[in-house]
């Protein structure tokens, strides 16, 4: 039984799911290529563009589908069954677009410009925030990248690490310390801007296909109007439902591993048995454990997403649940793939089989925000408040 369609509730869900399913089949064919080259294949981006996937979270007036959070997760989870790295990558783009659309972070004319670029031209954007010295931006470090006002332009210098899709982005939203404002801001930089360079440094164990290389900025000049966000008044971070694209992605990888190992178990019959291993009790029990873990994590994730969509006035109360979903989902996904590897046995380590890549890719989820220790600390603080 295929678990991936369990959460389709409406005809619209069916339509969106089918779109993601067809794309997942195409992306799966390039998953090994992306892994070996440590970059996101341009052909996969073209497939997503051709299906207007990059504008799905935009409002309909800009050519989007105004995806709800629930719908966003349905599509991203399914896409990740085909290629987790590409799904995670485009998830960041779609999440940023959703955040900008819903939270009105930019002035209307600046948002209108980028929304038309995404909706009309399927342009690809992402935030570039992580740095060698500051680590994850969720830890609160001040960026060492600087923006210095020179007449009517900002001059930006710095280095960003973990820049997902660095080589194929059309726009970079770069966080920097804005000297004249004495504050941290975000600056929109088109890819053709002089002084931008991508150093191909991405050489990791898993999720290699995200192509999260280093972005180097050397005397990059942009009009001062490209300062699109300014955090001049420190405020407590609010809940960001769109970040659930991260657990959705890793659960998609786990689902793909589950489906592949069931097929493997049906077909593999060692000469020591008179039946395929799918009929061996301890193998069947491991699959039962897999499905239990997936059911628990997925029902938790989709119930929180449904609550987010249904009660927008209560979103401020969901910080704990959002963090907990990520922790539960990514850890459950790792446990699922561990069980998959035990079923596949030594053959699962072979590059000729899909399991070793699932095993490597799923581990990256433990290092995406929010981190487990921060979630646990937040839950403990709330319990004693």
Protein backbone atom coordinates (compact mmCIF):
# COMPACT_ATOMS: atom_id res chain seq x y z
CA UNK A 1 0.00 0.00 0.00
CA UNK A 2 1.28 3.47 -0.97
CA UNK A 3 1.06 5.82 2.03
CA UNK A 4 1.84 9.03 0.16
CA UNK A 5 -1.75 9.87 -0.85
CA UNK A 6 -3.29 9.34 2.60
CA UNK A 7 -3.80 13.04 3.26
CA UNK A 8 -5.65 14.13 0.11
CA UNK A 9 -8.94 15.65 1.22
CA UNK A 10 -10.25 17.61 -1.79
CA UNK A 11 -10.26 17.61 -5.59
CA UNK A 12 -7.77 20.47 -5.48
CA UNK A 13 -5.47 18.34 -3.32
CA UNK A 14 -5.70 15.59 -5.92
CA UNK A 15 -4.81 18.02 -8.72
CA UNK A 16 -1.83 19.51 -6.89
CA UNK A 17 -0.62 16.10 -5.76
CA UNK A 18 -0.75 14.76 -9.32
CA UNK A 19 1.32 17.74 -10.52
CA UNK A 20 3.99 17.04 -7.90
CA UNK A 21 3.87 13.31 -8.62
CA UNK A 22 4.59 13.80 -12.32
CA UNK A 23 7.48 16.13 -11.56
CA UNK A 24 8.87 13.73 -8.95
CA UNK A 25 9.15 11.02 -11.61
CA UNK A 26 11.23 13.33 -13.82
CA UNK A 27 13.47 14.56 -11.01
CA UNK A 28 14.18 11.02 -9.80
CA UNK A 29 16.03 10.30 -13.03
CA UNK A 30 18.64 12.97 -12.18
CA UNK A 31 19.00 12.28 -8.47
CA UNK A 32 22.25 10.35 -8.79
CA UNK A 33 23.69 12.91 -11.21
CA UNK A 34 22.94 15.71 -8.77
CA UNK A 35 24.51 13.71 -5.96
CA UNK A 36 27.71 12.94 -7.86
CA UNK A 37 28.15 16.50 -9.18
CA UNK A 38 27.06 18.20 -5.92
CA UNK A 39 24.88 20.62 -7.81
CA UNK A 40 21.21 21.11 -8.66
CA UNK A 41 20.67 20.04 -12.30
CA UNK A 42 19.53 22.87 -14.56
CA UNK A 43 17.24 20.40 -16.33
CA UNK A 44 15.35 19.88 -13.07
CA UNK A 45 14.89 23.63 -12.66
CA UNK A 46 13.60 23.75 -16.24
CA UNK A 47 11.07 21.02 -15.47
CA UNK A 48 9.83 22.99 -12.46
CA UNK A 49 9.65 26.21 -14.51
CA UNK A 50 7.76 24.55 -17.34
CA UNK A 51 5.06 23.48 -14.87
CA UNK A 52 4.97 26.91 -13.15
CA UNK A 53 6.01 25.21 -9.94
CA UNK A 54 8.11 28.18 -8.83
CA UNK A 55 5.06 30.45 -8.49
CA UNK A 56 2.73 28.07 -6.62
CA UNK A 57 2.88 30.00 -3.34
CA UNK A 58 2.22 33.37 -4.96
CA UNK A 59 -1.24 34.98 -4.76
CA UNK A 60 -3.41 34.19 -7.76
CA UNK A 61 -3.29 37.77 -9.03
CA UNK A 62 0.41 37.23 -9.75
CA UNK A 63 -0.16 33.89 -11.49
CA UNK A 64 0.27 31.68 -8.45
CA UNK A 65 -1.94 29.12 -6.74
CA UNK A 66 -1.87 30.73 -3.27
CA UNK A 67 -1.06 27.38 -1.71
CA UNK A 68 -2.18 26.86 1.85
CA UNK A 69 0.46 25.47 4.20
CA UNK A 70 -1.23 22.04 4.05
CA UNK A 71 -1.12 22.06 0.23
CA UNK A 72 2.48 23.27 0.22
CA UNK A 73 3.51 20.31 2.39
CA UNK A 74 1.56 17.81 0.29
CA UNK A 75 3.40 18.87 -2.84
CA UNK A 76 6.83 19.17 -1.26
CA UNK A 77 6.61 15.77 0.42
CA UNK A 78 5.65 14.16 -2.89
CA UNK A 79 8.37 16.01 -4.81
CA UNK A 80 10.93 14.79 -2.27
CA UNK A 81 9.98 11.20 -3.04
CA UNK A 82 11.56 11.84 -6.43
CA UNK A 83 14.57 13.90 -5.36
CA UNK A 84 14.91 15.15 -1.79
CA UNK A 85 17.69 17.62 -2.55
CA UNK A 86 15.77 19.37 -5.32
CA UNK A 87 12.62 19.40 -3.19
CA UNK A 88 14.44 20.96 -0.23
CA UNK A 89 16.01 23.54 -2.53
CA UNK A 90 12.81 24.67 -4.21
CA UNK A 91 11.10 24.49 -0.82
CA UNK A 92 13.29 27.36 0.39
CA UNK A 93 12.33 29.42 -2.67
CA UNK A 94 8.61 28.69 -2.33
CA UNK A 95 8.75 29.29 1.42
CA UNK A 96 10.39 32.69 1.00
CA UNK A 97 7.79 33.63 -1.64
CA UNK A 98 5.00 32.51 0.71
CA UNK A 99 6.48 34.47 3.61
CA UNK A 100 6.85 37.66 1.56
CA UNK A 101 3.31 37.31 0.23
CA UNK A 102 1.64 36.70 3.57
CA UNK A 103 3.68 38.75 6.02
CA UNK A 104 4.06 41.93 3.91
CA UNK A 105 7.74 42.24 4.83
CA UNK A 106 8.61 44.49 1.86
CA UNK A 107 7.23 47.81 0.66
CA UNK A 108 4.43 47.19 -1.87
CA UNK A 109 6.36 48.32 -4.96
CA UNK A 110 9.38 46.15 -4.07
CA UNK A 111 7.20 43.12 -3.42
CA UNK A 112 5.26 43.79 -6.64
CA UNK A 113 8.52 43.71 -8.61
CA UNK A 114 9.76 40.36 -7.28
CA UNK A 115 6.26 38.82 -7.37
CA UNK A 116 6.00 39.65 -11.08
CA UNK A 117 9.47 38.23 -11.69
CA UNK A 118 8.49 34.96 -10.01
CA UNK A 119 4.97 34.79 -11.42
CA UNK A 120 5.65 35.98 -14.95
CA UNK A 121 9.19 34.74 -15.50
CA UNK A 122 9.52 31.88 -12.99
CA UNK A 123 12.57 33.49 -11.44
CA UNK A 124 14.29 31.65 -8.59
CA UNK A 125 15.13 33.39 -5.31
CA UNK A 126 16.53 32.49 -1.91
CA UNK A 127 17.79 34.09 1.26
CA UNK A 128 21.55 34.03 1.86
CA UNK A 129 22.10 34.40 5.59
CA UNK A 130 24.56 31.82 6.94
CA UNK A 131 28.21 32.80 7.42
CA UNK A 132 31.36 30.98 8.56
CA UNK A 133 31.69 32.97 11.80
CA UNK A 134 28.03 33.33 12.75
CA UNK A 135 26.79 29.84 11.87
CA UNK A 136 23.03 29.43 11.53
CA UNK A 137 21.12 32.74 11.56
CA UNK A 138 18.63 31.14 13.96
CA UNK A 139 21.33 31.46 16.64
CA UNK A 140 21.20 35.25 16.38
CA UNK A 141 24.71 36.15 15.23
CA UNK A 142 25.32 39.55 13.60
CA UNK A 143 26.46 39.10 9.97
CA UNK A 144 30.01 40.04 9.08
CA UNK A 145 28.83 40.88 5.56
CA UNK A 146 28.61 44.67 5.36
CA UNK A 147 26.62 47.15 3.29
CA UNK A 148 28.19 50.61 3.05
CA UNK A 149 26.24 53.53 1.60
CA UNK A 150 28.12 55.29 -1.20
CA UNK A 151 25.98 58.02 -2.73
CA UNK A 152 22.87 56.35 -4.13
CA UNK A 153 24.29 52.82 -3.91
CA UNK A 154 25.13 50.22 -1.32
CA UNK A 155 28.49 48.51 -1.58
CA UNK A 156 28.33 44.98 -0.20
CA UNK A 157 31.28 42.86 0.89
CA UNK A 158 31.21 39.47 2.55
CA UNK A 159 30.85 35.73 2.26
CA UNK A 160 27.77 33.53 2.63
CA UNK A 161 27.92 29.78 3.19
CA UNK A 162 25.21 27.14 2.69
CA UNK A 163 23.79 29.20 -0.20
CA UNK A 164 21.28 26.68 -1.50
CA UNK A 165 21.01 26.66 -5.33
CA UNK A 166 23.83 29.23 -5.48
CA UNK A 167 24.70 28.59 -9.13
CA UNK A 168 21.12 28.68 -10.46
CA UNK A 169 19.49 31.47 -8.43
CA UNK A 170 18.21 34.54 -10.27
CA UNK A 171 18.10 36.73 -7.15
CA UNK A 172 19.98 36.58 -3.87
CA UNK A 173 18.42 38.11 -0.74
CA UNK A 174 21.58 38.81 1.24
CA UNK A 175 21.61 39.70 4.93
CA UNK A 176 24.21 42.29 5.89
CA UNK A 177 25.11 44.76 8.60
CA UNK A 178 23.94 48.08 7.13
CA UNK A 179 26.42 50.60 8.50
CA UNK A 180 24.47 53.83 8.04
CA UNK A 181 21.41 52.29 9.69
CA UNK A 182 23.37 50.49 12.43
CA UNK A 183 21.10 47.51 11.84
CA UNK A 184 20.87 44.19 10.04
CA UNK A 185 19.11 44.35 6.70
CA UNK A 186 18.36 42.25 3.63
CA UNK A 187 19.45 43.38 0.18
CA UNK A 188 18.08 42.09 -3.12
CA UNK A 189 20.88 41.36 -5.59
CA UNK A 190 20.30 40.13 -9.18
CA UNK A 191 22.61 37.31 -10.30
CA UNK A 192 24.22 39.35 -13.09
CA UNK A 193 25.51 42.00 -10.67
CA UNK A 194 29.25 42.61 -10.96
CA UNK A 195 31.30 41.41 -8.00
CA UNK A 196 29.17 38.34 -7.27
CA UNK A 197 30.96 35.01 -7.37
CA UNK A 198 30.06 31.46 -6.43
CA UNK A 199 32.84 29.30 -5.01
CA UNK A 200 31.98 25.65 -5.58
CA UNK A 201 32.74 24.40 -2.07
CA UNK A 202 29.72 22.13 -1.42
CA UNK A 203 31.19 18.71 -0.63
CA UNK A 204 29.02 17.08 2.01
CA UNK A 205 27.86 13.63 3.02
CA UNK A 206 24.20 14.16 2.08
CA UNK A 207 21.86 16.50 0.23
CA UNK A 208 24.67 17.14 -2.21
CA UNK A 209 22.19 18.03 -4.95
CA UNK A 210 21.20 21.28 -3.25
CA UNK A 211 24.43 22.83 -4.52
CA UNK A 212 24.74 24.93 -1.37
CA UNK A 213 28.01 26.58 -2.31
CA UNK A 214 29.64 29.75 -0.98
CA UNK A 215 28.50 33.13 -2.28
CA UNK A 216 31.31 35.71 -2.42
CA UNK A 217 30.50 39.43 -2.58
CA UNK A 218 33.35 41.76 -3.49
CA UNK A 219 32.42 45.44 -3.82
CA UNK A 220 28.98 44.51 -5.12
CA UNK A 221 27.04 47.68 -5.94
CA UNK A 222 23.25 47.92 -6.00
CA UNK A 223 20.86 50.89 -5.81
CA UNK A 224 20.01 51.81 -2.24
CA UNK A 225 16.38 50.97 -3.04
CA UNK A 226 17.47 47.32 -3.08
CA UNK A 227 17.57 47.39 0.71
CA UNK A 228 14.29 45.49 1.04
CA UNK A 229 14.21 44.71 4.77
CA UNK A 230 15.66 46.43 7.83
CA UNK A 231 15.62 45.00 11.33
CA UNK A 232 16.25 48.29 13.12
CA UNK A 233 13.90 47.40 15.96
CA UNK A 234 14.79 44.02 17.44
CA UNK A 235 11.70 41.88 17.79
CA UNK A 236 10.98 38.43 19.04
CA UNK A 237 10.86 35.99 16.11
CA UNK A 238 7.37 34.78 15.34
CA UNK A 239 6.20 31.38 14.10
CA UNK A 240 7.02 30.55 10.48
CA UNK A 241 4.69 27.83 9.25
CA UNK A 242 6.39 27.64 5.87
CA UNK A 243 9.48 26.13 7.51
CA UNK A 244 7.51 22.89 7.73
CA UNK A 245 8.70 22.32 4.17
CA UNK A 246 11.82 20.93 5.87
CA UNK A 247 10.13 18.04 7.73
CA UNK A 248 7.89 17.44 4.69
CA UNK A 249 10.99 16.95 2.57
CA UNK A 250 12.65 14.46 4.90
CA UNK A 251 9.44 12.52 5.35
CA UNK A 252 9.23 12.36 1.54
CA UNK A 253 12.72 10.82 1.44
CA UNK A 254 11.69 8.31 4.12
CA UNK A 255 8.54 7.43 2.16
CA UNK A 256 10.62 6.83 -0.97
CA UNK A 257 13.00 4.59 0.98
CA UNK A 258 10.03 2.70 2.44
CA UNK A 259 8.46 2.12 -0.97
CA UNK A 260 11.73 1.01 -2.57
CA UNK A 261 12.60 -1.45 0.19
CA UNK A 262 9.14 -3.03 0.01
CA UNK A 263 9.67 -3.60 -3.71
CA UNK A 264 13.16 -4.95 -2.98
CA UNK A 265 11.77 -7.33 -0.34
CA UNK A 266 9.17 -8.67 -2.78
CA UNK A 267 11.82 -9.41 -5.40
CA UNK A 268 14.82 -10.57 -3.37
CA UNK A 269 15.00 -14.28 -2.62
CA UNK A 270 18.35 -15.58 -1.35
CA UNK A 271 19.14 -19.21 -2.15
CA UNK A 272 18.80 -20.01 1.54
CA UNK A 273 15.04 -19.39 1.34
CA UNK A 274 12.20 -20.84 -0.71
CA UNK A 275 10.37 -17.50 -0.66
CA UNK A 276 11.18 -13.79 -1.03
CA UNK A 277 12.22 -11.96 2.12
CA UNK A 278 8.89 -10.06 2.07
CA UNK A 279 7.41 -13.20 3.60
CA UNK A 280 9.94 -13.41 6.43
CA UNK A 281 8.39 -12.36 9.73
CA UNK A 282 11.16 -10.09 11.04
CA UNK A 283 11.26 -8.25 7.68
CA UNK A 284 7.50 -7.73 7.74
CA UNK A 285 7.71 -6.52 11.34
CA UNK A 286 10.34 -3.95 10.39
CA UNK A 287 8.03 -2.64 7.65
CA UNK A 288 5.28 -2.43 10.27
CA UNK A 289 7.60 -0.34 12.47
CA UNK A 290 8.39 1.88 9.49
CA UNK A 291 4.73 2.56 8.76
CA UNK A 292 3.97 3.27 12.41
CA UNK A 293 6.74 5.88 12.58
CA UNK A 294 5.59 7.48 9.33
CA UNK A 295 1.96 7.58 10.40
CA UNK A 296 2.84 9.24 13.71
CA UNK A 297 5.11 11.88 12.18
CA UNK A 298 2.89 12.65 9.20
CA UNK A 299 -0.36 12.95 11.16
CA UNK A 300 1.41 15.29 13.56
CA UNK A 301 2.78 17.45 10.74
CA UNK A 302 -0.44 17.66 8.75
CA UNK A 303 -2.59 18.31 11.81
CA UNK A 304 -0.41 21.29 12.77
CA UNK A 305 -0.52 22.56 9.17
CA UNK A 306 -4.30 22.25 9.14
CA UNK A 307 -4.51 24.17 12.41
CA UNK A 308 -2.25 26.88 10.94
CA UNK A 309 -4.52 27.26 7.90
CA UNK A 310 -7.84 27.02 9.76
CA UNK A 311 -7.13 29.39 12.63
CA UNK A 312 -4.84 32.19 11.35
CA UNK A 313 -5.54 34.33 14.42
CA UNK A 314 -4.00 31.62 16.62
CA UNK A 315 -0.76 31.14 14.69
CA UNK A 316 1.20 32.97 17.36
CA UNK A 317 0.48 30.07 19.70
CA UNK A 318 2.04 27.44 17.41
CA UNK A 319 5.77 28.09 17.92
CA UNK A 320 6.21 25.00 20.09
CA UNK A 321 4.24 22.75 17.76
CA UNK A 322 6.13 23.90 14.66
CA UNK A 323 9.49 23.19 16.26
CA UNK A 324 8.28 19.87 17.62
CA UNK A 325 7.05 18.77 14.19
CA UNK A 326 10.48 19.37 12.71
CA UNK A 327 12.20 17.46 15.50
CA UNK A 328 9.79 14.51 15.38
CA UNK A 329 9.68 14.30 11.58
CA UNK A 330 13.41 14.49 10.90
CA UNK A 331 14.29 12.06 13.69
CA UNK A 332 11.52 9.69 12.59
CA UNK A 333 12.75 9.88 9.00
CA UNK A 334 16.23 8.87 10.16
CA UNK A 335 14.79 5.97 12.15
CA UNK A 336 12.77 4.85 9.13
CA UNK A 337 15.77 4.82 6.82
CA UNK A 338 17.83 2.99 9.45
CA UNK A 339 15.19 0.25 9.43
CA UNK A 340 15.18 0.27 5.62
CA UNK A 341 18.94 -0.33 5.64
CA UNK A 342 18.53 -3.28 8.02
CA UNK A 343 16.07 -4.86 5.59
CA UNK A 344 18.28 -4.21 2.56
CA UNK A 345 21.33 -5.53 4.39
CA UNK A 346 24.81 -5.13 2.97
CA UNK A 347 23.40 -4.60 -0.51
CA UNK A 348 21.92 -1.35 0.73
CA UNK A 349 25.42 0.14 0.93
CA UNK A 350 25.99 -0.30 -2.79
CA UNK A 351 26.00 2.74 -5.07
CA UNK A 352 23.99 0.64 -7.51
CA UNK A 353 21.00 0.77 -5.17
CA UNK A 354 19.06 3.83 -3.95
CA UNK A 355 19.24 3.09 -0.24
CA UNK A 356 22.69 4.50 0.58
CA UNK A 357 21.71 7.89 -0.84
CA UNK A 358 18.51 7.93 1.20
CA UNK A 359 20.65 7.05 4.22
CA UNK A 360 23.02 9.97 3.59
CA UNK A 361 20.41 12.52 2.52
CA UNK A 362 18.03 11.99 5.42
CA UNK A 363 20.75 12.75 7.96
CA UNK A 364 21.00 16.34 6.77
CA UNK A 365 17.58 17.00 8.27
CA UNK A 366 19.07 16.89 11.75
CA UNK A 367 21.09 19.99 10.87
CA UNK A 368 18.29 22.12 9.41
CA UNK A 369 16.60 24.71 11.65
CA UNK A 370 15.28 24.67 14.26
CA UNK A 371 17.91 22.53 15.97
CA UNK A 372 16.78 19.77 18.33
CA UNK A 373 18.39 21.38 21.38
CA UNK A 374 16.56 24.66 20.80
CA UNK A 375 13.21 22.88 20.46
CA UNK A 376 13.73 20.85 23.63
CA UNK A 377 14.91 23.93 25.54
CA UNK A 378 11.85 25.89 24.38
CA UNK A 379 9.47 23.12 25.44
CA UNK A 380 11.16 22.87 28.84
CA UNK A 381 11.03 26.64 29.34
CA UNK A 382 7.33 26.65 28.51
CA UNK A 383 6.67 23.80 30.94
CA UNK A 384 8.21 25.70 33.84
CA UNK A 385 6.83 29.14 32.96
